[in-house]
Amino acid sequence: MEIKEFSQACENNKNPILGVLKKHFLNVSLVLEVGSGTGQHATYFADQLDWLVWQPTEVSERLGLLRDNCKFSARNNLRSPSSLDIFESWSQIQFDAIFTANTLHIIPVSGIKALFSNIAPNAASGFRVAIYGPFKYNGQYTSESNIAFDNWLRTQNPNRGIRDFETVDKMAQDVGLNLIEDCKMPANNQLLVWGL
C-alpha cells in the first residue's frame, strides 16, 4: 500500500531534520506538529524518536488525507491526527515541544503571531520549538532559488512569502523563548530551534 499523497521534499529532508531533533528533543515527551501535511514527517519521527509521543495536526480540510496516511504507521507513540486552527486557542492541548516544517511561508504573518501566542501558555523549562523552512537574514535571501520561490509564493497569495529570521526570532523572544541553534539544511532551508 502507498500513501495517498507523497512529498519528495519530506523524503529529502527527514534525515537531516532527525539529526537535529535527536539532540534537542531528547528531554521532551509530547510533540505537537503544526501542519503535518502528508504525515511523512510524523510517521518517520515517531518511529525514530520512540521515547516521545508525536501529535500530528492539520487544517480540517486536509485532515482526512493526513489520517489516511498515518494509518500506515503501527507506532503506538503516534497519536491520531487532529484538526488544528492556529488562530484558535490551544489551551486544551498539553505539549512540551512544537515542530513545524514549511508552514511559515504559507501562513500569513498574523498566523505566525498566533502560533507563538498559543505556545506561550505551555512554555516551561525544557520547552522546545523547532521550525524548518527557508528564511531571509537581514532582509537578504540565502540563494537565488529562494528569491524565485518567494516571488512565486507572492504571486499565489500576497500574504505568503519567505519570512525574515529577525521578525520570527522577535516573536519567539516576546513569549520568552531563546534561540538555541540555527542549523543549515538542504535545499537552502534552515532548522531553527528555540527553547527555555
Foldseek 3Di string as FASTA:
>chain_A
DDQPDDDVVCVVFLVVVLVVCVVQVVPWAEEEEEACDQVPNLQVNCVVVVRHAYEYEHAPVCLVSNQRNNVVHPRPSYDRYYYDDLQDAPVVDATQEYEYEPPQQPDAPVSLLSNLVNCLVRADASRKYKYKDAAAEPNHGPDPVLVVVQVVSCVVPVRGGHYHPVVSQVSNVVSPWDWDDWAQTPPRMIITMIGD
